[in-house]
Amino acid sequence: MWSQLTILYPILLSLGSLVVPASSSSSSNGLPVEKVYGVNLGSWLVLESWMLPNEWAQMGGESCSNCEDCAASEWSLTKKLGQQQADKVFLEHWTTWFTSQDVEDIANAGLNTVRIPLGFWIIEDLVDRSTEFYKRGLSQLKAKNINALLDFHAMPGVSASQQMFAGNCTTQVEFYQPSNYFRALQWAGVMTFLSHADPDFSKVFAIEAVNEPLMNSAQTPGYGEYLTDFTLVVRAVELSFGIFCPDLDYSTALGLGIDIGSNPISLSTMATSFGGIGNSSDTASGLGRVAQVLISIIPIIQNVANEIGMSNPLTATAIATLFGGTNRQCLHTTFMDALWQNQQGFNPAQATQGPALFDDHLYYSFGGVADPNAEAYLESICNLPRVEQDTASDNLPMVFGEWALSTNFDANDTFLTQWADAQKLMYSQSSGWIFWSFKIENNSTDQREWDYFTALEAGHFTHNPADLNDPNVCDNFRS
């Protein structure tokens, strides 16, 4: 049945592409909005136990000074509890941490975007995904016209040392090798398929290749090739839908040895054209690796589609495309900006083909940015050169995809309001900002610094995210 649908699908979908052609954004930056104002859905589908210590303890998790030494991450808790109990406690968490009320709060706050951290287990087994909660969340966000960026937060093999966001808190960082790059590319292919196949995913506008890789480029061999292949996988899957990015020469970009024309091309046909099907996933690179990925994701797509209630993904996709409701715009492939590796590594601008987005993260509370006092913080942020630096590196459009009001000194409410204004003022020089996070656990000691709605209620944030309490907050601190 699958092989038959693979043959029929391009024919059906080509009809849909004639009815609902791919289009480009009307905003000046190519994004769905002129300015991104958003929040991260932190600790929902990739749980970070520091954000909800009481619930974590109730789930059976542990806390310790070195998160590698106890059950402080999703992987370690699953290992401790066993699969059956882990499935049970995570089911409760996914149900209650992000709800329809949270969607209402996001919309009522005037925010237009969410960034959703995801793990490799969305398409692989770690905890039971018989009911896919991210589909439910995306459907609710769509109903409120809120755009979504899917962020690959927890990578196969672990991409960052001793970080809860990596899914497993460990010093054994093994993502940066061919076999795990391959698994990550499979994730990219499946997420791209769903983003264009399922109407509930139609507000997904971007897909991020990796969250916060190691900053030392010497420790990330093959990272640039992975970003390049990530783009190729996304564009190849889109091409199978008959979705063409404006002004992109596909013969050059994908190196296809076939006439593309204006019709969809099946994944298997593209893989054959790439000429790498005979290579193993561990040794293939470039177009050979992309070919392997395209072939390998076909059964994965079927499995994931079944989990979210799409029993026959190819037929359902063709029908949805014919009658509208699905996303017909190229996704923005999203990368951490060149500044993340101190401009010593691969410039992600070299990996782009079609729409792209660049992500910068800045937290002062972890030290190394400014001296721990109010004046130093404001002097630093009000003279921040990152937008100019990213512009020089051709990392545009860019957003500040993670930031907070946290400090490494005892800050009072007056300063936190200034701190919110100053960061918003400077980050709005880019294409926008996405705060970390939409919430942390109630009654946490630093809730006002990490929880958007607590900060909003306290008056640190304005009810219109484009406004500032004090538009002149930086006047006395610019040099």
Protein backbone atom coordinates (compact mmCIF):
# COMPACT_ATOMS: atom_id res chain seq x y z
CA MET A 1 0.00 0.00 0.00
CA TRP A 2 2.78 2.45 0.92
CA SER A 3 4.65 1.92 -2.35
CA GLN A 4 1.44 2.46 -4.32
CA LEU A 5 0.71 5.69 -2.46
CA THR A 6 4.25 6.86 -3.03
CA ILE A 7 3.60 6.59 -6.76
CA LEU A 8 0.13 8.17 -6.65
CA TYR A 9 0.97 10.92 -4.19
CA PRO A 10 2.90 13.26 -6.54
CA ILE A 11 0.05 13.05 -9.06
CA LEU A 12 -2.59 13.94 -6.47
CA LEU A 13 -0.47 16.60 -4.91
CA SER A 14 0.41 18.22 -8.20
CA LEU A 15 -3.28 19.01 -8.56
CA GLY A 16 -3.21 20.61 -5.14
CA SER A 17 -0.16 22.65 -6.00
CA LEU A 18 -2.03 24.13 -8.93
CA VAL A 19 -4.91 25.14 -6.67
CA VAL A 20 -2.88 26.32 -3.68
CA PRO A 21 0.52 27.50 -4.93
CA ALA A 22 3.45 28.15 -2.65
CA SER A 23 3.60 31.77 -1.58
CA SER A 24 5.96 34.14 0.17
CA SER A 25 5.47 36.26 3.25
CA SER A 26 4.26 39.82 2.86
CA SER A 27 6.41 41.11 5.73
CA SER A 28 9.62 42.95 4.92
CA ASN A 29 11.79 40.37 6.71
CA GLY A 30 10.15 37.35 5.10
CA LEU A 31 8.70 36.21 8.43
CA PRO A 32 4.96 35.82 9.05
CA VAL A 33 5.03 39.00 11.18
CA GLU A 34 6.97 42.25 10.97
CA LYS A 35 8.22 41.81 14.54
CA VAL A 36 8.37 38.59 16.52
CA TYR A 37 7.09 38.85 20.09
CA GLY A 38 6.98 35.50 21.79
CA VAL A 39 7.67 33.05 24.56
CA ASN A 40 9.34 29.67 24.74
CA LEU A 41 7.16 26.77 25.84
CA GLY A 42 9.92 25.69 28.19
CA SER A 43 9.70 22.39 30.07
CA TRP A 44 6.64 21.15 28.22
CA LEU A 45 7.93 18.54 25.76
CA VAL A 46 11.55 18.77 26.91
CA LEU A 47 11.39 18.96 30.68
CA GLU A 48 13.99 20.93 32.67
CA SER A 49 13.55 20.00 36.30
CA TRP A 50 14.89 23.29 37.70
CA MET A 51 11.77 25.00 36.34
CA LEU A 52 9.31 22.83 38.30
CA PRO A 53 11.11 21.27 41.29
CA ASN A 54 7.97 20.35 43.23
CA GLU A 55 6.25 18.63 40.31
CA TRP A 56 9.53 16.94 39.44
CA ALA A 57 9.77 15.46 42.92
CA GLN A 58 6.16 14.26 42.68
CA MET A 59 7.01 12.56 39.38
CA GLY A 60 9.81 10.68 41.13
CA GLY A 61 12.65 12.93 40.02
CA GLU A 62 15.60 14.05 42.09
CA SER A 63 17.61 17.24 42.61
CA CYS A 64 21.35 17.46 43.18
CA SER A 65 24.15 19.99 42.80
CA ASN A 66 25.55 18.08 39.81
CA CYS A 67 22.63 17.05 37.60
CA GLU A 68 24.66 14.12 36.26
CA ASP A 69 24.63 12.47 39.70
CA CYS A 70 20.89 11.93 40.10
CA ALA A 71 17.59 11.58 38.23
CA ALA A 72 17.45 15.24 37.15
CA SER A 73 16.69 14.83 33.42
CA GLU A 74 14.09 13.10 31.27
CA TRP A 75 16.46 10.28 30.34
CA SER A 76 17.62 9.60 33.90
CA LEU A 77 14.09 9.69 35.31
CA THR A 78 12.87 7.25 32.66
CA LYS A 79 15.78 4.97 33.52
CA LYS A 80 14.96 5.20 37.24
CA LEU A 81 11.21 4.65 36.96
CA GLY A 82 11.06 2.16 34.14
CA GLN A 83 9.09 2.64 30.94
CA GLN A 84 5.58 2.03 32.26
CA GLN A 85 5.77 4.42 35.21
CA ALA A 86 7.68 7.02 33.16
CA ASP A 87 4.94 6.97 30.54
CA LYS A 88 2.36 7.56 33.26
CA VAL A 89 4.02 10.53 34.95
CA PHE A 90 4.99 12.24 31.69
CA LEU A 91 1.45 11.81 30.39
CA GLU A 92 0.21 13.82 33.36
CA HIS A 93 2.90 16.46 32.83
CA TRP A 94 2.20 16.95 29.11
CA THR A 95 -1.50 17.28 29.89
CA THR A 96 -1.20 19.90 32.62
CA TRP A 97 1.94 21.98 31.96
CA PHE A 98 0.70 23.62 28.76
CA THR A 99 -3.07 24.02 28.50
CA SER A 100 -5.74 25.96 26.65
CA GLN A 101 -5.58 28.59 29.40
CA ASP A 102 -1.89 29.14 28.63
CA VAL A 103 -2.80 29.66 24.97
CA GLU A 104 -5.40 32.23 26.03
CA ASP A 105 -2.83 34.01 28.20
CA ILE A 106 -0.31 34.14 25.34
CA ALA A 107 -2.89 35.57 22.96
CA ASN A 108 -4.24 38.07 25.48
CA ALA A 109 -0.70 39.31 26.13
CA GLY A 110 -0.41 40.33 22.48
CA LEU A 111 2.28 37.75 21.72
CA ASN A 112 2.39 36.34 18.20
CA THR A 113 4.95 33.53 18.38
CA VAL A 114 5.99 30.53 20.44
CA ARG A 115 9.19 28.53 20.25
CA ILE A 116 8.58 24.88 21.12
CA PRO A 117 11.57 22.86 22.39
CA LEU A 118 11.37 19.26 21.15
CA GLY A 119 13.46 16.15 21.67
CA PHE A 120 14.61 13.39 19.36
CA TRP A 121 12.08 11.12 21.08
CA ILE A 122 9.28 12.82 19.15
CA ILE A 123 10.13 10.32 16.39
CA GLU A 124 12.05 7.76 18.48
CA ASP A 125 11.05 5.86 21.62
CA LEU A 126 11.97 7.25 25.04
CA VAL A 127 8.59 7.82 26.61
CA ASP A 128 5.24 6.77 25.16
CA ARG A 129 3.89 9.11 22.48
CA SER A 130 0.65 7.28 21.70
CA THR A 131 -1.11 10.65 21.96
CA GLU A 132 0.97 13.40 20.43
CA PHE A 133 0.53 16.42 22.65
CA TYR A 134 2.40 18.78 20.39
CA LYS A 135 -0.34 18.33 17.76
CA ARG A 136 -2.93 19.33 20.35
CA GLY A 137 -0.89 22.37 21.32
CA LEU A 138 -0.31 23.45 17.74
CA SER A 139 -4.02 23.16 17.02
CA GLN A 140 -4.83 25.41 19.98
CA LEU A 141 -2.17 27.92 18.97
CA LYS A 142 -3.46 27.96 15.41
CA ALA A 143 -6.93 28.83 16.66
CA LYS A 144 -5.43 31.98 18.21
CA ASN A 145 -3.30 32.81 15.14
CA ILE A 146 -0.04 32.26 17.03
CA ASN A 147 2.98 31.25 14.94
CA ALA A 148 5.26 28.39 15.99
CA LEU A 149 8.97 27.70 15.69
CA LEU A 150 9.84 24.02 16.23
CA ASP A 151 13.20 23.89 18.01
CA PHE A 152 15.34 20.73 18.12
CA HIS A 153 16.36 21.11 21.75
CA ALA A 154 17.41 17.62 22.87
CA MET A 155 19.56 15.97 20.23
CA PRO A 156 20.37 12.28 19.74
CA GLY A 157 23.62 11.54 21.52
CA VAL A 158 23.43 14.77 23.61
CA SER A 159 24.69 18.07 22.15
CA ALA A 160 25.68 19.96 25.33
CA SER A 161 27.49 18.93 28.49
CA GLN A 162 25.64 18.75 31.83
CA GLN A 163 22.55 20.52 30.57
CA MET A 164 19.00 19.47 31.44
CA PHE A 165 17.77 20.86 28.12
CA ALA A 166 19.87 18.24 26.33
CA GLY A 167 17.49 15.53 27.54
CA ASN A 168 20.24 13.70 29.41
CA CYS A 169 22.48 15.53 31.86
CA THR A 170 25.90 14.03 31.16
CA THR A 171 29.45 14.94 30.20
CA GLN A 172 29.35 12.33 27.42
CA VAL A 173 28.54 14.58 24.47
CA GLU A 174 28.17 12.35 21.41
CA PHE A 175 25.91 14.25 19.02
CA TYR A 176 28.74 15.49 16.81
CA GLN A 177 29.30 12.29 14.85
CA PRO A 178 27.81 10.97 11.59
CA SER A 179 25.36 8.45 13.05
CA ASN A 180 23.70 11.02 15.31
CA TYR A 181 23.71 13.72 12.65
CA PHE A 182 21.82 11.20 10.53
CA ARG A 183 19.19 10.70 13.24
CA ALA A 184 18.81 14.47 13.58
CA LEU A 185 18.28 14.78 9.82
CA GLN A 186 15.55 12.15 10.05
CA TRP A 187 13.88 14.33 12.70
CA ALA A 188 14.12 17.31 10.33
CA GLY A 189 12.52 15.36 7.51
CA VAL A 190 9.64 14.07 9.61
CA MET A 191 8.93 17.46 11.21
CA THR A 192 8.98 19.12 7.80
CA PHE A 193 6.54 16.55 6.46
CA LEU A 194 4.13 17.07 9.36
CA SER A 195 4.42 20.85 9.10
CA HIS A 196 3.10 20.70 5.55
CA ALA A 197 0.83 17.64 5.78
CA ASP A 198 -1.27 18.31 8.87
CA PRO A 199 -3.55 21.38 8.99
CA ASP A 200 -2.93 21.61 12.74
CA PHE A 201 0.73 22.39 11.93
CA SER A 202 -0.10 25.19 9.51
CA LYS A 203 1.19 27.95 11.83
CA VAL A 204 4.65 26.37 11.97
CA PHE A 205 6.89 28.79 10.09
CA ALA A 206 10.37 27.67 11.13
CA ILE A 207 12.32 24.62 12.21
CA GLU A 208 15.55 24.96 14.21
CA ALA A 209 18.45 22.57 13.60
CA VAL A 210 19.94 22.49 17.11
CA ASN A 211 19.64 24.48 20.31
CA GLU A 212 22.86 25.86 21.79
CA PRO A 213 25.55 23.55 20.41
CA LEU A 214 28.94 23.54 22.08
CA MET A 215 30.53 26.97 21.75
CA ASN A 216 33.98 25.59 20.96
CA SER A 217 33.90 24.80 17.25
CA ALA A 218 36.87 22.45 17.66
CA GLN A 219 34.53 20.18 19.63
CA THR A 220 31.80 20.12 16.96
CA PRO A 221 33.30 18.32 13.94
CA GLY A 222 30.91 18.07 11.03
CA TYR A 223 28.56 20.71 12.44
CA GLY A 224 28.64 22.86 9.29
CA GLU A 225 27.94 19.86 7.07
CA TYR A 226 25.02 18.94 9.32
CA LEU A 227 23.48 22.41 8.97
CA THR A 228 23.94 22.25 5.19
CA ASP A 229 22.33 18.81 5.00
CA PHE A 230 19.55 19.95 7.35
CA THR A 231 18.56 22.58 4.81
CA LEU A 232 18.72 20.08 1.94
CA VAL A 233 16.46 17.62 3.77
CA VAL A 234 13.89 20.31 4.54
CA ARG A 235 13.85 21.58 0.96
CA ALA A 236 13.70 18.06 -0.50
CA VAL A 237 10.70 17.11 1.63
CA GLU A 238 8.99 20.37 0.67
CA LEU A 239 9.67 19.64 -2.98
CA SER A 240 7.76 16.37 -2.59
CA PHE A 241 4.74 18.54 -1.72
CA GLY A 242 5.19 20.75 -4.75
CA ILE A 243 6.31 23.59 -2.48
CA PHE A 244 8.93 25.76 -4.15
CA CYS A 245 10.82 28.55 -2.40
CA PRO A 246 10.79 31.82 -4.36
CA ASP A 247 14.03 32.66 -6.17
CA LEU A 248 15.69 29.32 -5.33
CA ASP A 249 17.40 27.46 -8.19
CA TYR A 250 16.62 23.88 -7.24
CA SER A 251 18.86 22.30 -9.84
CA THR A 252 21.81 24.10 -8.26
CA ALA A 253 20.64 23.95 -4.65
CA LEU A 254 19.80 20.25 -4.59
CA GLY A 255 21.97 19.07 -7.44
CA LEU A 256 19.11 17.09 -8.93
CA GLY A 257 19.85 15.38 -12.20
CA ILE A 258 16.21 15.48 -13.27
CA ASP A 259 13.84 18.06 -14.71
CA ILE A 260 11.97 19.53 -11.76
CA GLY A 261 9.34 21.44 -13.69
CA SER A 262 6.50 22.61 -11.47
CA ASN A 263 5.27 19.29 -10.07
CA PRO A 264 6.04 17.46 -6.82
CA ILE A 265 8.77 14.81 -6.85
CA SER A 266 8.52 11.76 -4.63
CA LEU A 267 11.10 11.24 -1.88
CA SER A 268 12.27 8.00 -3.47
CA THR A 269 12.77 9.67 -6.86
CA MET A 270 14.80 12.46 -5.30
CA ALA A 271 16.89 9.99 -3.32
CA THR A 272 17.69 8.06 -6.49
CA SER A 273 18.67 11.28 -8.24
CA PHE A 274 21.01 12.19 -5.39
CA GLY A 275 22.83 8.95 -6.12
CA GLY A 276 23.70 8.04 -2.54
CA ILE A 277 21.31 5.22 -1.73
CA GLY A 278 24.07 2.64 -1.64
CA ASN A 279 26.02 4.44 1.08
CA SER A 280 25.52 3.52 4.73
CA SER A 281 24.13 6.13 7.08
CA ASP A 282 27.38 6.17 9.04
CA THR A 283 29.62 6.97 6.09
CA ALA A 284 27.48 8.91 3.63
CA SER A 285 27.86 12.67 3.47
CA GLY A 286 26.36 15.53 1.50
CA LEU A 287 23.79 14.45 -1.08
CA GLY A 288 24.52 10.80 -0.33
CA ARG A 289 23.51 11.29 3.29
CA VAL A 290 20.44 13.27 2.27
CA ALA A 291 19.41 10.43 -0.05
CA GLN A 292 19.70 7.94 2.81
CA VAL A 293 17.61 10.19 5.03
CA LEU A 294 14.83 10.55 2.46
CA ILE A 295 14.52 6.79 2.05
CA SER A 296 14.72 6.10 5.78
CA ILE A 297 12.02 8.53 6.89
CA ILE A 298 9.20 6.98 4.84
CA PRO A 299 8.30 4.32 7.47
CA ILE A 300 8.98 6.78 10.30
CA ILE A 301 6.48 9.22 8.81
CA GLN A 302 3.90 6.44 8.69
CA ASN A 303 4.47 5.56 12.36
CA VAL A 304 4.38 9.15 13.62
CA ALA A 305 1.38 9.95 11.45
CA ASN A 306 -0.50 7.01 12.96
CA GLU A 307 0.26 8.33 16.45
CA ILE A 308 -1.32 11.68 15.69
CA GLY A 309 -4.37 10.18 14.02
CA MET A 310 -3.31 10.49 10.38
CA SER A 311 -3.86 6.85 9.42
CA ASN A 312 -2.99 7.36 5.76
CA PRO A 313 -0.62 10.36 5.62
CA LEU A 314 -0.13 10.54 1.87
CA THR A 315 -3.79 10.40 0.92
CA ALA A 316 -4.75 12.75 3.76
CA THR A 317 -2.06 15.17 2.68
CA ALA A 318 -3.16 15.20 -0.94
CA ILE A 319 -6.76 15.86 0.07
CA ALA A 320 -5.77 18.57 2.56
CA THR A 321 -3.64 20.28 -0.05
CA LEU A 322 -6.41 20.15 -2.63
CA PHE A 323 -8.94 21.73 -0.30
CA GLY A 324 -6.64 24.05 1.64
CA GLY A 325 -5.72 24.35 5.29
CA THR A 326 -2.10 23.20 5.14
CA ASN A 327 1.05 25.32 5.08
CA ARG A 328 2.20 26.00 1.52
CA GLN A 329 5.11 28.29 2.37
CA CYS A 330 8.72 27.17 2.68
CA LEU A 331 9.83 26.82 6.27
CA HIS A 332 12.56 29.06 7.64
CA THR A 333 15.50 26.79 8.39
CA THR A 334 16.74 28.20 11.69
CA PHE A 335 20.26 28.15 13.11
CA MET A 336 22.09 29.57 16.10
CA ASP A 337 23.92 32.62 14.74
CA ALA A 338 27.62 32.88 13.97
CA LEU A 339 28.17 34.66 17.28
CA TRP A 340 27.27 31.52 19.21
CA GLN A 341 30.64 29.97 18.38
CA ASN A 342 32.33 33.37 18.62
CA GLN A 343 32.52 33.58 14.82
CA GLN A 344 35.31 31.01 14.90
CA GLY A 345 33.25 28.16 13.51
CA PHE A 346 31.04 27.60 10.51
CA ASN A 347 28.97 30.61 9.46
CA PRO A 348 25.42 29.24 9.23
CA ALA A 349 24.65 31.73 6.46
CA GLN A 350 26.56 29.32 4.21
CA ALA A 351 23.99 26.60 4.91
CA THR A 352 20.93 28.49 3.73
CA GLN A 353 18.84 27.71 0.67
CA GLY A 354 15.61 29.67 0.65
CA PRO A 355 14.07 31.28 3.76
CA ALA A 356 16.24 31.18 6.88
CA LEU A 357 16.23 32.58 10.40
CA PHE A 358 19.10 33.09 12.84
CA ASP A 359 18.82 32.74 16.59
CA ASP A 360 20.83 34.50 19.30
CA HIS A 361 20.62 33.74 23.03
CA LEU A 362 21.79 36.04 25.81
CA TYR A 363 21.65 35.46 29.55
CA TYR A 364 23.48 37.84 31.86
CA SER A 365 22.80 35.80 35.00
CA PHE A 366 25.34 33.10 34.14
CA GLY A 367 28.19 35.62 34.28
CA GLY A 368 30.85 36.66 31.81
CA VAL A 369 28.81 39.42 30.15
CA ALA A 370 28.78 42.31 32.62
CA ASP A 371 29.78 42.98 36.22
CA PRO A 372 27.06 41.91 38.70
CA ASN A 373 25.40 45.27 39.32
CA ALA A 374 22.58 47.31 37.82
CA GLU A 375 24.68 50.01 36.19
CA ALA A 376 27.00 47.52 34.48
CA TYR A 377 24.05 45.54 33.15
CA LEU A 378 22.41 48.62 31.63
CA GLU A 379 25.66 49.95 30.17
CA SER A 380 26.26 46.58 28.54
CA ILE A 381 22.80 45.97 27.12
CA CYS A 382 22.32 49.54 25.89
CA ASN A 383 25.50 49.26 23.81
CA LEU A 384 24.89 45.73 22.59
CA PRO A 385 26.45 45.26 19.11
CA ARG A 386 24.96 41.87 18.25
CA VAL A 387 22.49 43.03 15.62
CA GLU A 388 25.26 44.87 13.77
CA GLN A 389 27.56 41.85 14.09
CA ASP A 390 24.94 39.46 12.74
CA THR A 391 24.21 41.88 9.91
CA ALA A 392 27.90 41.86 8.98
CA SER A 393 27.83 38.04 8.97
CA ASP A 394 24.72 37.96 6.78
CA ASN A 395 22.83 36.28 9.62
CA LEU A 396 19.51 37.94 8.82
CA PRO A 397 16.73 37.95 9.73
CA MET A 398 17.67 37.18 13.31
CA VAL A 399 15.76 37.04 16.58
CA PHE A 400 16.79 36.81 20.19
CA GLY A 401 15.30 33.39 20.79
CA GLU A 402 16.12 33.07 24.49
CA TRP A 403 16.56 35.70 27.20
CA ALA A 404 15.23 36.38 30.68
CA LEU A 405 15.12 38.96 33.46
CA SER A 406 17.43 36.85 35.62
CA THR A 407 20.49 38.46 37.21
CA ASN A 408 23.50 37.31 39.21
CA PHE A 409 22.88 39.91 41.90
CA ASP A 410 19.96 40.82 44.15
CA ALA A 411 17.75 42.91 41.85
CA ASN A 412 14.78 44.94 43.07
CA ASP A 413 11.53 45.53 41.20
CA THR A 414 12.58 48.97 39.97
CA PHE A 415 15.64 47.55 38.27
CA LEU A 416 13.77 44.57 36.82
CA THR A 417 11.41 46.97 35.07
CA GLN A 418 14.39 48.88 33.64
CA TRP A 419 16.04 45.58 32.73
CA ALA A 420 12.95 44.42 30.87
CA ASP A 421 12.67 47.71 28.98
CA ALA A 422 16.34 47.84 28.04
CA GLN A 423 16.42 44.28 26.75
CA LYS A 424 13.22 44.71 24.76
CA LEU A 425 14.50 47.98 23.31
CA MET A 426 17.75 46.46 22.10
CA TYR A 427 16.39 43.10 20.99
CA SER A 428 13.70 44.85 18.96
CA GLN A 429 16.46 46.21 16.73
CA SER A 430 16.46 42.67 15.34
CA SER A 431 13.40 40.94 13.89
CA GLY A 432 12.11 40.34 17.40
CA TRP A 433 12.44 38.36 20.60
CA ILE A 434 11.21 35.19 22.32
CA PHE A 435 11.36 35.17 26.13
CA TRP A 436 12.35 32.17 28.26
CA SER A 437 9.88 31.05 29.43
CA PHE A 438 6.09 31.25 29.33
CA LYS A 439 6.10 30.03 32.92
CA ILE A 440 7.96 28.29 35.69
CA GLU A 441 6.45 26.65 38.74
CA ASN A 442 4.35 28.85 41.01
CA ASN A 443 6.05 30.15 44.16
CA SER A 444 9.55 29.64 42.75
CA THR A 445 11.94 32.17 44.27
CA ASP A 446 12.92 33.60 40.88
CA GLN A 447 9.54 33.30 39.18
CA ARG A 448 9.36 37.01 38.29
CA GLU A 449 12.65 36.70 36.36
CA TRP A 450 11.85 33.61 34.27
CA ASP A 451 8.04 33.54 34.05
CA TYR A 452 6.66 35.95 31.43
CA PHE A 453 3.22 36.25 32.95
CA THR A 454 4.49 36.77 36.48
CA ALA A 455 6.70 39.58 35.14
CA LEU A 456 3.75 40.96 33.19
CA GLU A 457 1.56 40.97 36.29
CA ALA A 458 4.34 42.69 38.25
CA GLY A 459 4.49 45.46 35.66
CA HIS A 460 7.99 44.65 34.39
CA PHE A 461 6.48 43.92 30.98
CA THR A 462 3.87 46.02 29.21
CA HIS A 463 0.54 44.62 28.07
CA ASN A 464 1.44 45.55 24.51
CA PRO A 465 4.78 43.79 23.93
CA ALA A 466 5.82 46.50 21.47
CA ASP A 467 5.59 49.17 24.17
CA LEU A 468 8.09 50.11 26.89
CA ASN A 469 7.49 51.47 30.36
CA ASP A 470 10.32 53.93 29.67
CA PRO A 471 11.30 54.41 26.01
CA ASN A 472 14.30 56.46 27.18
CA VAL A 473 15.68 53.75 29.45
CA CYS A 474 19.02 53.64 27.61
CA ASP A 475 19.59 57.37 27.15
CA ASN A 476 21.98 57.73 30.09
CA PHE A 477 23.90 54.52 29.39
CA ARG A 478 24.86 54.72 25.73
CA SER A 479 28.51 55.42 25.04
